[in-house]
Amino acid sequence: MKSKNGVHNGEYFSKAALKHRGWTDSAIKRFLPEHDDEKQNHVYRSAPPIKLYLINRVRGVEISEAFQAWKGESLKRRASSAKAVKTKQASLLERVRNMKVIVQKVPNNKVVKDAVNAYNIRKSDRYMVFDGDFATVDSDLDFLARITVNYIRHNLTEYDRILYKLAGKTGKGKALKLLWEKVFQAIADTYPDYQEECESQLAIKLGQFDPG
């Protein structure tokens, strides 16, 4: 297939291909302000045509002194940015690592009742009729352990407040993993009867973990 100017499309770089070679939008605008050809976007037909740049022309620009100078500065900026990201990640991890997780201690029978009430309120969606079975203090023990540990984590620790503070932070994924480990361990230390449930919930969260 040939383009309108008779040159084979295989002799072009697309914008995506340029970026794969290290180009940025600003570099394309600066060094290749005009594209050489274009083709229809066959994936999204309503999208604008794909701009094409002759390979020989691109390679000619890439060996120019001006482009080489830009590339050197670009590499320095990327290295500096990567270093800054690592520094922020390390700082956040250190803060979470040094964080002391406080778990409020209440009598076991009370914390179970509170967990049951919180579960029923949440499941009833406040003012809507609850269409399932209500939890009671006589419900299945494994079920009670699960909702009790959840209740403790969200209501008797600073877990939710810490999560809010982590939102949008660089290195949040790894910090969250560390937070889970600290919180579940703190709950298990304060409520030894729920150690097994804490380990189970931590394993589930770590299994779903994406450092992001």
N, C-alpha and C. Protein backbone atom coordinates (compact mmCIF):
# COMPACT_ATOMS: atom_id res chain seq x y z
N MET A 1 0.85 -1.20 0.00
CA MET A 1 0.00 0.00 0.00
C MET A 1 0.88 1.24 0.00
N LYS A 2 0.56 2.23 -0.86
CA LYS A 2 1.34 3.45 -0.94
C LYS A 2 0.51 4.64 -0.46
N SER A 3 1.23 5.62 0.07
CA SER A 3 0.57 6.83 0.53
C SER A 3 0.32 7.74 -0.65
N LYS A 4 -0.25 8.91 -0.38
CA LYS A 4 -0.58 9.85 -1.46
C LYS A 4 0.64 10.38 -2.18
N ASN A 5 1.83 10.37 -1.53
CA ASN A 5 3.02 10.89 -2.20
C ASN A 5 3.89 9.78 -2.80
N GLY A 6 3.37 8.55 -2.81
CA GLY A 6 4.06 7.45 -3.47
C GLY A 6 5.09 6.73 -2.62
N VAL A 7 5.22 7.10 -1.36
CA VAL A 7 6.20 6.44 -0.49
C VAL A 7 5.49 5.35 0.30
N HIS A 8 6.11 4.19 0.42
CA HIS A 8 5.51 3.09 1.16
C HIS A 8 5.32 3.46 2.62
N ASN A 9 4.14 3.09 3.21
CA ASN A 9 3.86 3.38 4.61
C ASN A 9 4.86 2.71 5.54
N GLY A 10 5.53 1.66 5.07
CA GLY A 10 6.52 0.99 5.90
C GLY A 10 7.76 1.83 6.11
N GLU A 11 7.86 2.97 5.43
CA GLU A 11 9.01 3.85 5.57
C GLU A 11 8.71 5.04 6.47
N TYR A 12 7.71 4.88 7.33
CA TYR A 12 7.30 5.95 8.23
C TYR A 12 7.42 5.51 9.70
N PHE A 13 7.57 6.50 10.55
CA PHE A 13 7.38 6.32 11.99
C PHE A 13 6.07 7.00 12.35
N SER A 14 5.27 6.36 13.18
CA SER A 14 4.10 7.03 13.73
C SER A 14 4.55 7.81 14.97
N LYS A 15 3.67 8.58 15.53
CA LYS A 15 4.00 9.34 16.74
C LYS A 15 4.31 8.39 17.89
N ALA A 16 3.56 7.29 17.96
CA ALA A 16 3.81 6.31 19.02
C ALA A 16 5.20 5.70 18.87
N ALA A 17 5.60 5.44 17.63
CA ALA A 17 6.93 4.88 17.38
C ALA A 17 8.02 5.87 17.77
N LEU A 18 7.78 7.15 17.53
CA LEU A 18 8.75 8.18 17.91
C LEU A 18 8.92 8.20 19.43
N LYS A 19 7.82 8.11 20.14
CA LYS A 19 7.89 8.13 21.61
C LYS A 19 8.62 6.90 22.14
N HIS A 20 8.46 5.80 21.44
CA HIS A 20 9.18 4.58 21.83
C HIS A 20 10.69 4.78 21.67
N ARG A 21 11.07 5.67 20.76
CA ARG A 21 12.49 5.97 20.53
C ARG A 21 13.00 7.06 21.46
N GLY A 22 12.15 7.56 22.35
CA GLY A 22 12.60 8.56 23.31
C GLY A 22 12.13 9.98 23.05
N TRP A 23 11.36 10.16 21.98
CA TRP A 23 10.84 11.49 21.67
C TRP A 23 9.73 11.85 22.66
N THR A 24 9.51 13.14 22.84
CA THR A 24 8.40 13.64 23.64
C THR A 24 7.53 14.51 22.74
N ASP A 25 6.37 14.88 23.22
CA ASP A 25 5.48 15.75 22.43
C ASP A 25 6.17 17.07 22.11
N SER A 26 6.86 17.62 23.11
CA SER A 26 7.52 18.91 22.88
C SER A 26 8.65 18.78 21.85
N ALA A 27 9.37 17.63 21.88
CA ALA A 27 10.45 17.43 20.91
C ALA A 27 9.89 17.27 19.50
N ILE A 28 8.78 16.57 19.38
CA ILE A 28 8.15 16.40 18.07
C ILE A 28 7.70 17.76 17.53
N LYS A 29 7.11 18.54 18.40
CA LYS A 29 6.65 19.87 17.99
C LYS A 29 7.82 20.77 17.59
N ARG A 30 8.95 20.59 18.29
CA ARG A 30 10.11 21.44 18.02
C ARG A 30 10.89 21.01 16.78
N PHE A 31 11.17 19.71 16.65
CA PHE A 31 12.04 19.23 15.58
C PHE A 31 11.29 18.71 14.35
N LEU A 32 10.02 18.32 14.54
CA LEU A 32 9.22 17.80 13.42
C LEU A 32 7.86 18.50 13.41
N PRO A 33 7.88 19.81 13.24
CA PRO A 33 6.62 20.56 13.32
C PRO A 33 5.60 20.18 12.25
N GLU A 34 6.07 19.64 11.13
CA GLU A 34 5.16 19.21 10.06
C GLU A 34 5.32 17.71 9.84
N HIS A 35 4.21 16.99 9.78
CA HIS A 35 4.29 15.57 9.49
C HIS A 35 4.35 15.36 7.97
N ASP A 36 4.78 14.17 7.55
CA ASP A 36 4.98 13.90 6.12
C ASP A 36 3.77 13.27 5.46
N ASP A 37 2.97 12.59 6.22
CA ASP A 37 1.80 11.93 5.65
C ASP A 37 0.88 11.55 6.80
N GLU A 38 -0.22 10.92 6.50
CA GLU A 38 -1.13 10.46 7.54
C GLU A 38 -1.95 9.30 7.01
N LYS A 39 -2.50 8.54 7.95
CA LYS A 39 -3.35 7.41 7.56
C LYS A 39 -4.52 7.32 8.52
N GLN A 40 -5.55 6.64 8.07
CA GLN A 40 -6.75 6.51 8.88
C GLN A 40 -6.48 5.64 10.10
N ASN A 41 -7.10 6.02 11.21
CA ASN A 41 -7.02 5.21 12.42
C ASN A 41 -8.04 4.09 12.30
N HIS A 42 -7.54 2.86 12.08
CA HIS A 42 -8.44 1.73 11.84
C HIS A 42 -9.02 1.15 13.13
N VAL A 43 -8.46 1.54 14.28
CA VAL A 43 -8.99 1.07 15.56
C VAL A 43 -10.15 1.96 16.00
N TYR A 44 -9.91 3.27 15.94
CA TYR A 44 -10.96 4.24 16.29
C TYR A 44 -11.20 5.10 15.05
N ARG A 45 -12.16 4.71 14.24
CA ARG A 45 -12.38 5.36 12.95
C ARG A 45 -12.83 6.81 13.08
N SER A 46 -13.40 7.16 14.23
CA SER A 46 -13.84 8.54 14.42
C SER A 46 -12.70 9.44 14.90
N ALA A 47 -11.56 8.81 15.24
CA ALA A 47 -10.42 9.57 15.73
C ALA A 47 -9.71 10.27 14.58
N PRO A 48 -8.92 11.32 14.88
CA PRO A 48 -8.16 12.01 13.81
C PRO A 48 -7.19 11.05 13.14
N PRO A 49 -6.79 11.33 11.90
CA PRO A 49 -5.82 10.47 11.21
C PRO A 49 -4.50 10.40 11.99
N ILE A 50 -3.79 9.30 11.81
CA ILE A 50 -2.50 9.11 12.46
C ILE A 50 -1.43 9.83 11.65
N LYS A 51 -0.67 10.69 12.31
CA LYS A 51 0.39 11.43 11.63
C LYS A 51 1.60 10.52 11.42
N LEU A 52 2.22 10.65 10.25
CA LEU A 52 3.37 9.81 9.89
C LEU A 52 4.58 10.68 9.57
N TYR A 53 5.76 10.17 9.94
CA TYR A 53 7.01 10.91 9.74
C TYR A 53 8.00 10.00 9.02
N LEU A 54 8.57 10.47 7.94
CA LEU A 54 9.52 9.66 7.17
C LEU A 54 10.70 9.23 8.03
N ILE A 55 11.02 7.94 7.96
CA ILE A 55 12.09 7.39 8.79
C ILE A 55 13.42 8.08 8.51
N ASN A 56 13.75 8.27 7.25
CA ASN A 56 15.02 8.91 6.91
C ASN A 56 15.10 10.34 7.45
N ARG A 57 13.97 11.02 7.41
CA ARG A 57 13.94 12.39 7.93
C ARG A 57 14.14 12.39 9.44
N VAL A 58 13.47 11.47 10.13
CA VAL A 58 13.58 11.36 11.58
C VAL A 58 15.02 11.06 11.98
N ARG A 59 15.61 10.08 11.31
CA ARG A 59 16.99 9.70 11.64
C ARG A 59 17.95 10.85 11.37
N GLY A 60 17.67 11.64 10.35
CA GLY A 60 18.51 12.80 10.08
C GLY A 60 18.45 13.81 11.21
N VAL A 61 17.24 14.00 11.75
CA VAL A 61 17.08 14.92 12.88
C VAL A 61 17.78 14.38 14.11
N GLU A 62 17.68 13.07 14.31
CA GLU A 62 18.24 12.46 15.52
C GLU A 62 19.77 12.57 15.61
N ILE A 63 20.44 12.69 14.49
CA ILE A 63 21.91 12.81 14.53
C ILE A 63 22.37 14.27 14.51
N SER A 64 21.42 15.19 14.48
CA SER A 64 21.79 16.61 14.47
C SER A 64 22.28 17.04 15.85
N GLU A 65 23.12 18.06 15.89
CA GLU A 65 23.66 18.56 17.15
C GLU A 65 22.55 19.07 18.07
N ALA A 66 21.58 19.76 17.48
CA ALA A 66 20.49 20.32 18.29
C ALA A 66 19.69 19.22 18.98
N PHE A 67 19.39 18.13 18.23
CA PHE A 67 18.62 17.04 18.83
C PHE A 67 19.45 16.32 19.89
N GLN A 68 20.72 16.08 19.61
CA GLN A 68 21.58 15.40 20.57
C GLN A 68 21.69 16.20 21.86
N ALA A 69 21.76 17.54 21.74
CA ALA A 69 21.80 18.38 22.94
C ALA A 69 20.50 18.26 23.72
N TRP A 70 19.37 18.28 22.98
CA TRP A 70 18.07 18.12 23.66
C TRP A 70 17.98 16.76 24.34
N LYS A 71 18.45 15.72 23.65
CA LYS A 71 18.37 14.37 24.20
C LYS A 71 19.18 14.25 25.48
N GLY A 72 20.38 14.86 25.49
CA GLY A 72 21.20 14.81 26.68
C GLY A 72 20.52 15.47 27.86
N GLU A 73 19.92 16.64 27.63
CA GLU A 73 19.20 17.34 28.69
C GLU A 73 17.98 16.55 29.14
N SER A 74 17.31 15.92 28.16
CA SER A 74 16.12 15.13 28.48
C SER A 74 16.48 13.96 29.38
N LEU A 75 17.60 13.28 29.08
CA LEU A 75 18.03 12.16 29.90
C LEU A 75 18.37 12.61 31.31
N LYS A 76 18.99 13.78 31.42
CA LYS A 76 19.31 14.32 32.74
C LYS A 76 18.05 14.61 33.54
N ARG A 77 17.05 15.19 32.85
CA ARG A 77 15.79 15.51 33.54
C ARG A 77 15.09 14.23 34.00
N ARG A 78 15.11 13.21 33.14
CA ARG A 78 14.45 11.96 33.51
C ARG A 78 15.15 11.30 34.68
N ALA A 79 16.49 11.33 34.67
CA ALA A 79 17.26 10.74 35.76
C ALA A 79 16.98 11.48 37.07
N SER A 80 16.91 12.80 36.97
CA SER A 80 16.64 13.62 38.16
C SER A 80 15.24 13.35 38.68
N SER A 81 14.29 13.21 37.75
CA SER A 81 12.91 12.94 38.14
C SER A 81 12.80 11.57 38.81
N ALA A 82 13.49 10.57 38.23
CA ALA A 82 13.46 9.22 38.79
C ALA A 82 14.06 9.21 40.19
N LYS A 83 15.14 9.97 40.37
CA LYS A 83 15.78 10.04 41.69
C LYS A 83 14.85 10.68 42.71
N ALA A 84 14.14 11.73 42.27
CA ALA A 84 13.21 12.42 43.17
C ALA A 84 12.08 11.48 43.58
N VAL A 85 11.60 10.68 42.64
CA VAL A 85 10.53 9.72 42.93
C VAL A 85 11.00 8.70 43.96
N LYS A 86 12.21 8.17 43.76
CA LYS A 86 12.76 7.19 44.71
C LYS A 86 12.93 7.79 46.10
N THR A 87 13.35 9.05 46.14
CA THR A 87 13.52 9.72 47.42
C THR A 87 12.19 9.87 48.15
N LYS A 88 11.16 10.25 47.39
CA LYS A 88 9.82 10.40 47.98
C LYS A 88 9.28 9.05 48.45
N GLN A 89 9.51 8.00 47.66
CA GLN A 89 9.05 6.67 48.04
C GLN A 89 9.72 6.22 49.33
N ALA A 90 11.04 6.42 49.41
CA ALA A 90 11.79 6.02 50.59
C ALA A 90 11.32 6.79 51.82
N SER A 91 11.05 8.09 51.64
CA SER A 91 10.61 8.93 52.74
C SER A 91 9.25 8.47 53.26
N LEU A 92 8.33 8.16 52.34
CA LEU A 92 6.99 7.71 52.73
C LEU A 92 7.06 6.37 53.45
N LEU A 93 7.85 5.45 52.93
CA LEU A 93 7.99 4.15 53.56
C LEU A 93 8.57 4.28 54.97
N GLU A 94 9.53 5.17 55.12
CA GLU A 94 10.14 5.38 56.43
C GLU A 94 9.13 5.94 57.42
N ARG A 95 8.28 6.85 56.95
CA ARG A 95 7.24 7.41 57.82
C ARG A 95 6.27 6.33 58.28
N VAL A 96 5.84 5.47 57.36
CA VAL A 96 4.91 4.40 57.73
C VAL A 96 5.60 3.38 58.63
N ARG A 97 6.87 3.11 58.33
CA ARG A 97 7.63 2.15 59.13
C ARG A 97 7.76 2.60 60.59
N ASN A 98 7.89 3.90 60.78
CA ASN A 98 8.06 4.45 62.13
C ASN A 98 6.73 4.79 62.80
N MET A 99 5.65 4.59 62.07
CA MET A 99 4.33 4.92 62.59
C MET A 99 3.91 3.90 63.66
N LYS A 100 3.39 4.39 64.77
CA LYS A 100 2.89 3.49 65.81
C LYS A 100 1.38 3.37 65.66
N VAL A 101 0.91 2.16 65.46
CA VAL A 101 -0.52 1.92 65.28
C VAL A 101 -1.15 1.64 66.64
N ILE A 102 -2.05 2.51 67.05
CA ILE A 102 -2.75 2.35 68.32
C ILE A 102 -4.12 1.71 68.07
N VAL A 103 -4.41 0.66 68.81
CA VAL A 103 -5.70 -0.02 68.70
C VAL A 103 -6.44 0.12 70.02
N GLN A 104 -7.64 0.69 69.98
CA GLN A 104 -8.41 0.83 71.21
C GLN A 104 -8.83 -0.55 71.71
N LYS A 105 -8.71 -0.76 72.98
CA LYS A 105 -9.07 -2.05 73.58
C LYS A 105 -10.40 -1.91 74.31
N VAL A 106 -11.38 -2.71 73.90
CA VAL A 106 -12.68 -2.77 74.59
C VAL A 106 -12.98 -4.23 74.88
N PRO A 107 -13.85 -4.51 75.85
CA PRO A 107 -14.18 -5.90 76.15
C PRO A 107 -14.65 -6.66 74.92
N ASN A 108 -14.29 -7.92 74.82
CA ASN A 108 -14.58 -8.70 73.62
C ASN A 108 -16.07 -8.78 73.31
N ASN A 109 -16.92 -8.98 74.35
CA ASN A 109 -18.35 -9.09 74.08
C ASN A 109 -18.92 -7.78 73.52
N LYS A 110 -18.35 -6.65 73.96
CA LYS A 110 -18.81 -5.35 73.45
C LYS A 110 -18.35 -5.13 72.02
N VAL A 111 -17.11 -5.47 71.71
CA VAL A 111 -16.61 -5.22 70.36
C VAL A 111 -17.35 -6.09 69.35
N VAL A 112 -17.75 -7.28 69.75
CA VAL A 112 -18.53 -8.15 68.86
C VAL A 112 -19.91 -7.54 68.61
N LYS A 113 -20.57 -7.08 69.69
CA LYS A 113 -21.89 -6.45 69.54
C LYS A 113 -21.81 -5.21 68.65
N ASP A 114 -20.76 -4.41 68.87
CA ASP A 114 -20.59 -3.20 68.06
C ASP A 114 -20.35 -3.55 66.59
N ALA A 115 -19.58 -4.62 66.36
CA ALA A 115 -19.30 -5.05 64.99
C ALA A 115 -20.58 -5.54 64.31
N VAL A 116 -21.39 -6.27 65.05
CA VAL A 116 -22.67 -6.78 64.52
C VAL A 116 -23.58 -5.61 64.16
N ASN A 117 -23.69 -4.62 65.06
CA ASN A 117 -24.55 -3.47 64.80
C ASN A 117 -24.07 -2.68 63.58
N ALA A 118 -22.76 -2.48 63.50
CA ALA A 118 -22.19 -1.73 62.38
C ALA A 118 -22.43 -2.47 61.07
N TYR A 119 -22.28 -3.78 61.09
CA TYR A 119 -22.51 -4.60 59.90
C TYR A 119 -23.96 -4.48 59.43
N ASN A 120 -24.91 -4.58 60.38
CA ASN A 120 -26.33 -4.52 60.02
C ASN A 120 -26.72 -3.15 59.49
N ILE A 121 -26.18 -2.12 60.09
CA ILE A 121 -26.47 -0.76 59.62
C ILE A 121 -25.94 -0.56 58.21
N ARG A 122 -24.69 -1.01 58.00
CA ARG A 122 -24.08 -0.86 56.68
C ARG A 122 -24.85 -1.65 55.62
N LYS A 123 -25.21 -2.87 55.94
CA LYS A 123 -25.90 -3.72 54.97
C LYS A 123 -27.33 -3.27 54.70
N SER A 124 -27.94 -2.63 55.65
CA SER A 124 -29.31 -2.15 55.42
C SER A 124 -29.33 -0.88 54.59
N ASP A 125 -28.10 -0.40 54.26
CA ASP A 125 -27.98 0.80 53.43
C ASP A 125 -28.77 1.95 54.03
N ARG A 126 -28.59 2.13 55.32
CA ARG A 126 -29.23 3.18 56.11
C ARG A 126 -30.74 3.04 56.14
N TYR A 127 -31.45 3.69 55.23
CA TYR A 127 -32.91 3.76 55.34
C TYR A 127 -33.63 2.76 54.46
N MET A 128 -32.90 1.93 53.71
CA MET A 128 -33.54 0.94 52.86
C MET A 128 -33.73 -0.37 53.62
N VAL A 129 -34.73 -1.12 53.22
CA VAL A 129 -35.01 -2.39 53.90
C VAL A 129 -33.90 -3.38 53.58
N PHE A 130 -33.40 -4.05 54.59
CA PHE A 130 -32.34 -5.04 54.41
C PHE A 130 -32.96 -6.34 53.93
N ASP A 131 -32.49 -6.86 52.79
CA ASP A 131 -33.12 -8.03 52.19
C ASP A 131 -32.39 -9.33 52.50
N GLY A 132 -31.45 -9.30 53.43
CA GLY A 132 -30.72 -10.52 53.80
C GLY A 132 -30.85 -10.78 55.28
N ASP A 133 -30.14 -11.78 55.77
CA ASP A 133 -30.18 -12.10 57.20
C ASP A 133 -29.33 -11.10 57.97
N PHE A 134 -29.87 -10.65 59.09
CA PHE A 134 -29.11 -9.78 59.96
C PHE A 134 -28.07 -10.60 60.71
N ALA A 135 -26.96 -9.97 61.01
CA ALA A 135 -25.95 -10.62 61.84
C ALA A 135 -26.40 -10.55 63.30
N THR A 136 -26.03 -11.54 64.06
CA THR A 136 -26.29 -11.54 65.50
C THR A 136 -25.04 -12.05 66.20
N VAL A 137 -25.01 -11.92 67.51
CA VAL A 137 -23.86 -12.41 68.27
C VAL A 137 -23.79 -13.93 68.25
N ASP A 138 -24.84 -14.56 67.73
CA ASP A 138 -24.87 -16.03 67.64
C ASP A 138 -24.60 -16.50 66.21
N SER A 139 -24.21 -15.59 65.33
CA SER A 139 -23.91 -15.97 63.95
C SER A 139 -22.67 -16.87 63.91
N ASP A 140 -22.38 -17.40 62.72
CA ASP A 140 -21.21 -18.26 62.52
C ASP A 140 -19.95 -17.59 63.07
N LEU A 141 -19.14 -18.34 63.79
CA LEU A 141 -17.97 -17.77 64.45
C LEU A 141 -16.96 -17.18 63.48
N ASP A 142 -16.74 -17.85 62.35
CA ASP A 142 -15.80 -17.32 61.36
C ASP A 142 -16.30 -16.00 60.79
N PHE A 143 -17.60 -15.94 60.56
CA PHE A 143 -18.22 -14.71 60.06
C PHE A 143 -18.08 -13.59 61.09
N LEU A 144 -18.33 -13.91 62.36
CA LEU A 144 -18.21 -12.91 63.41
C LEU A 144 -16.77 -12.41 63.54
N ALA A 145 -15.82 -13.33 63.39
CA ALA A 145 -14.41 -12.92 63.48
C ALA A 145 -14.07 -11.96 62.35
N ARG A 146 -14.59 -12.25 61.16
CA ARG A 146 -14.29 -11.40 60.00
C ARG A 146 -14.85 -10.00 60.19
N ILE A 147 -16.14 -9.89 60.56
CA ILE A 147 -16.72 -8.56 60.67
C ILE A 147 -16.17 -7.82 61.90
N THR A 148 -15.75 -8.56 62.91
CA THR A 148 -15.19 -7.91 64.10
C THR A 148 -13.83 -7.30 63.80
N VAL A 149 -12.98 -8.05 63.10
CA VAL A 149 -11.67 -7.50 62.72
C VAL A 149 -11.85 -6.31 61.79
N ASN A 150 -12.80 -6.39 60.87
CA ASN A 150 -13.08 -5.26 59.99
C ASN A 150 -13.52 -4.04 60.80
N TYR A 151 -14.39 -4.29 61.78
CA TYR A 151 -14.88 -3.20 62.62
C TYR A 151 -13.73 -2.56 63.40
N ILE A 152 -12.88 -3.39 63.98
CA ILE A 152 -11.76 -2.87 64.75
C ILE A 152 -10.84 -2.03 63.86
N ARG A 153 -10.55 -2.56 62.67
CA ARG A 153 -9.63 -1.86 61.76
C ARG A 153 -10.17 -0.48 61.37
N HIS A 154 -11.46 -0.41 61.08
CA HIS A 154 -12.03 0.85 60.60
C HIS A 154 -12.49 1.80 61.71
N ASN A 155 -12.75 1.27 62.89
CA ASN A 155 -13.33 2.11 63.94
C ASN A 155 -12.48 2.26 65.19
N LEU A 156 -11.56 1.34 65.42
CA LEU A 156 -10.77 1.39 66.65
C LEU A 156 -9.29 1.62 66.37
N THR A 157 -8.96 1.98 65.14
CA THR A 157 -7.59 2.36 64.79
C THR A 157 -7.67 3.62 63.91
N GLU A 158 -6.52 4.16 63.57
CA GLU A 158 -6.44 5.33 62.70
C GLU A 158 -6.30 4.92 61.23
N TYR A 159 -6.65 3.68 60.92
CA TYR A 159 -6.44 3.13 59.58
C TYR A 159 -7.05 4.00 58.48
N ASP A 160 -8.30 4.37 58.61
CA ASP A 160 -8.97 5.15 57.55
C ASP A 160 -8.33 6.53 57.38
N ARG A 161 -7.96 7.15 58.50
CA ARG A 161 -7.32 8.47 58.42
C ARG A 161 -5.96 8.38 57.73
N ILE A 162 -5.23 7.32 58.04
CA ILE A 162 -3.91 7.13 57.40
C ILE A 162 -4.08 6.86 55.91
N LEU A 163 -5.09 6.06 55.55
CA LEU A 163 -5.36 5.80 54.13
C LEU A 163 -5.62 7.10 53.39
N TYR A 164 -6.40 7.97 54.00
CA TYR A 164 -6.72 9.26 53.37
C TYR A 164 -5.44 10.07 53.14
N LYS A 165 -4.54 10.03 54.10
CA LYS A 165 -3.29 10.78 53.98
C LYS A 165 -2.37 10.19 52.91
N LEU A 166 -2.49 8.87 52.68
CA LEU A 166 -1.64 8.22 51.68
C LEU A 166 -2.11 8.47 50.26
N ALA A 167 -3.36 8.86 50.10
CA ALA A 167 -3.94 9.04 48.77
C ALA A 167 -3.10 10.00 47.94
N GLY A 168 -2.72 9.55 46.75
CA GLY A 168 -1.98 10.41 45.83
C GLY A 168 -0.51 10.56 46.12
N LYS A 169 -0.01 9.92 47.19
CA LYS A 169 1.40 10.04 47.53
C LYS A 169 2.26 9.13 46.65
N THR A 170 3.45 9.61 46.33
CA THR A 170 4.40 8.79 45.57
C THR A 170 4.85 7.61 46.44
N GLY A 171 4.73 6.39 45.90
CA GLY A 171 5.11 5.20 46.66
C GLY A 171 3.98 4.67 47.52
N LYS A 172 2.75 5.11 47.23
CA LYS A 172 1.60 4.71 48.04
C LYS A 172 1.44 3.19 48.11
N GLY A 173 1.66 2.50 46.98
CA GLY A 173 1.43 1.05 46.94
C GLY A 173 2.24 0.31 47.98
N LYS A 174 3.55 0.52 47.99
CA LYS A 174 4.41 -0.19 48.95
C LYS A 174 4.13 0.26 50.38
N ALA A 175 3.81 1.54 50.55
CA ALA A 175 3.48 2.04 51.88
C ALA A 175 2.20 1.39 52.39
N LEU A 176 1.24 1.17 51.50
CA LEU A 176 -0.02 0.54 51.88
C LEU A 176 0.22 -0.90 52.33
N LYS A 177 1.07 -1.62 51.63
CA LYS A 177 1.42 -2.98 52.02
C LYS A 177 2.00 -3.00 53.43
N LEU A 178 2.89 -2.09 53.70
CA LEU A 178 3.50 -2.00 55.03
C LEU A 178 2.46 -1.62 56.08
N LEU A 179 1.55 -0.73 55.72
CA LEU A 179 0.49 -0.33 56.64
C LEU A 179 -0.40 -1.50 57.01
N TRP A 180 -0.80 -2.30 56.02
CA TRP A 180 -1.61 -3.48 56.31
C TRP A 180 -0.91 -4.39 57.32
N GLU A 181 0.36 -4.64 57.08
CA GLU A 181 1.11 -5.53 57.96
C GLU A 181 1.13 -4.99 59.39
N LYS A 182 1.36 -3.68 59.53
CA LYS A 182 1.42 -3.07 60.85
C LYS A 182 0.05 -3.07 61.54
N VAL A 183 -0.99 -2.74 60.79
CA VAL A 183 -2.33 -2.64 61.38
C VAL A 183 -2.84 -4.01 61.83
N PHE A 184 -2.73 -5.00 60.97
CA PHE A 184 -3.22 -6.33 61.35
C PHE A 184 -2.42 -6.92 62.50
N GLN A 185 -1.11 -6.64 62.53
CA GLN A 185 -0.30 -7.13 63.64
C GLN A 185 -0.70 -6.43 64.94
N ALA A 186 -0.98 -5.14 64.85
CA ALA A 186 -1.39 -4.39 66.04
C ALA A 186 -2.74 -4.88 66.56
N ILE A 187 -3.65 -5.19 65.65
CA ILE A 187 -4.96 -5.73 66.07
C ILE A 187 -4.78 -7.08 66.74
N ALA A 188 -3.95 -7.93 66.14
CA ALA A 188 -3.71 -9.26 66.71
C ALA A 188 -3.05 -9.16 68.09
N ASP A 189 -2.16 -8.18 68.26
CA ASP A 189 -1.50 -8.00 69.55
C ASP A 189 -2.49 -7.54 70.62
N THR A 190 -3.46 -6.69 70.21
CA THR A 190 -4.43 -6.15 71.16
C THR A 190 -5.58 -7.11 71.41
N TYR A 191 -5.94 -7.86 70.37
CA TYR A 191 -7.03 -8.84 70.47
C TYR A 191 -6.50 -10.20 70.03
N PRO A 192 -5.77 -10.91 70.89
CA PRO A 192 -5.13 -12.18 70.51
C PRO A 192 -6.10 -13.23 69.97
N ASP A 193 -7.36 -13.17 70.39
CA ASP A 193 -8.34 -14.16 69.92
C ASP A 193 -8.57 -14.06 68.40
N TYR A 194 -8.19 -12.91 67.82
CA TYR A 194 -8.43 -12.70 66.40
C TYR A 194 -7.14 -12.76 65.57
N GLN A 195 -6.10 -13.35 66.14
CA GLN A 195 -4.82 -13.42 65.42
C GLN A 195 -4.97 -14.18 64.10
N GLU A 196 -5.65 -15.32 64.14
CA GLU A 196 -5.81 -16.13 62.93
C GLU A 196 -6.58 -15.36 61.85
N GLU A 197 -7.62 -14.66 62.26
CA GLU A 197 -8.41 -13.88 61.30
C GLU A 197 -7.58 -12.73 60.73
N CYS A 198 -6.77 -12.11 61.57
CA CYS A 198 -5.90 -11.03 61.09
C CYS A 198 -4.92 -11.55 60.05
N GLU A 199 -4.34 -12.71 60.30
CA GLU A 199 -3.40 -13.31 59.36
C GLU A 199 -4.09 -13.66 58.05
N SER A 200 -5.34 -14.14 58.16
CA SER A 200 -6.10 -14.51 56.97
C SER A 200 -6.41 -13.27 56.12
N GLN A 201 -6.88 -12.20 56.76
CA GLN A 201 -7.21 -10.98 56.02
C GLN A 201 -5.97 -10.34 55.41
N LEU A 202 -4.86 -10.38 56.14
CA LEU A 202 -3.62 -9.83 55.61
C LEU A 202 -3.18 -10.62 54.38
N ALA A 203 -3.27 -11.94 54.44
CA ALA A 203 -2.88 -12.78 53.30
C ALA A 203 -3.72 -12.47 52.07
N ILE A 204 -5.02 -12.24 52.28
CA ILE A 204 -5.91 -11.90 51.17
C ILE A 204 -5.50 -10.57 50.55
N LYS A 205 -5.24 -9.57 51.39
CA LYS A 205 -4.86 -8.26 50.87
C LYS A 205 -3.52 -8.31 50.15
N LEU A 206 -2.57 -9.04 50.68
CA LEU A 206 -1.27 -9.13 50.04
C LEU A 206 -1.38 -9.90 48.71
N GLY A 207 -2.32 -10.85 48.65
CA GLY A 207 -2.53 -11.59 47.42
C GLY A 207 -3.10 -10.71 46.32
N GLN A 208 -3.80 -9.64 46.73
CA GLN A 208 -4.39 -8.71 45.76
C GLN A 208 -3.48 -7.50 45.54
N PHE A 209 -2.32 -7.51 46.18
CA PHE A 209 -1.47 -6.32 46.20
C PHE A 209 -0.87 -6.01 44.86
N ASP A 210 -1.00 -4.75 44.48
CA ASP A 210 -0.35 -4.22 43.27
C ASP A 210 0.43 -2.99 43.69
N PRO A 211 1.76 -3.05 43.66
CA PRO A 211 2.55 -1.92 44.16
C PRO A 211 2.32 -0.62 43.42
N GLY A 212 1.81 -0.73 42.15
CA GLY A 212 1.43 0.45 41.44
C GLY A 212 2.43 1.55 41.25
